[in-house]
Amino acid sequence: MKNSSPNRKNILPLLKPFGLLLLAIIVFSLLARYLYGRGTTLQEYADSRAAESLADDTSEEAPSTDAYSPETTVPETVVPETTVPETTMPETQDVSALLPGTLPEENPLCTVYQEGFYYEPLGEEVIDYITGVSYPKEGAAEISYEDLNYVHVLHYDFNGEVTQGELICNQAIAQDLVEIFYELYVAEYQIEKITLIEAYDGDDNASMEDNNTSCFNYRAVTGQSSLSKHALGLAIDINPFYNPYIRYTQENGRIVLPEGSEPYTDRSLDFPYKIDSQDLCLRLFLEHGFIWGGDWNSMKDYQHFQKTLD
């Protein structure tokens, strides 16, 4: 009995620190439950955070199914169609503003080759229009009104647009002209303008300077007193400004018409609207029996085509 008391006294000091440690552990455990889980364990809290992190990662990789549900229609990008304007050929039957003032189907003497390409004898309106200008007002002429025809054609101008053209010619070449000009029209061959010489008061130089294609004009050969083939309606000048008339003089000089067309006298150069051996216009006129002024030796008349009657 005497020996046991000292041992108990020795143990008690050791239990006191152990009790304090145990108490600290319990307090720390309770504090941790409060701070980290609001009633959950640390493991439960760790598991919940891992689950939340996984959910966050998944939401970044895969968009919401609502945005790509099968019922959602994604609008297509619609490219507007380009509308190319159609080339509209002029209403060739509506020529009330043009000479001779009658529609082709109303004139039994009118010959229609193709739509917009026809010829007919001169009407009274045409006769009144040309008399005193391209046709002599007084005195006898070597050609009568009855020998002439009014010719209507279509052609492409220098803007590439279809326009109407008028000619007066000898009735002997009227069919040739509608056939030739129709072929040029189909090939979209460009002729700047085809207007009766009356628009220039019968002045051939003014007509050439304006690059007007013309046929009949009762006048003499340039620089001579004899009648030109134009006076008989058997000659035509095509795009004259780019295909000038050139005559050489005894003084080693030359005359170039129209005025201002000198740059186009060098036929070795390449430029638009030039009539040469490769030109469709030249080939067509030759096929129809015309002579080209560009083949003459004493002078050159690159714009000029004429036909001799048998």
Foldseek 3Di string as FASTA:
>chain_A
DVVPVVVVVVCVVVVVVVVVVVVVVVVVLVVCCVPQPVNDHPVVSVVVVVVVVVVVVVCVVDPDCVVVPPVDDDDDDDDDDDDDDDADADQLQPQCVDPPRDGQVVDPQKDDPDRQWIKGQHDPSRCVLPDVFQHDVDDDAPEDSRQKMKTKHWAQAPVLHIDIAIAIAGPVCSVLVSVLRVVRRVVRPHFHYHYECVVVSLDPQVCLVVQYKYAAGFDCDVPDHHTDLSPRRFKIFTSDLLFWKWAADPVRRIDIPDPPSVVNPPVVDDDPPFDDPPDSSVVSLVVVAWDAQCPDDRIRGRRMIGHDDD
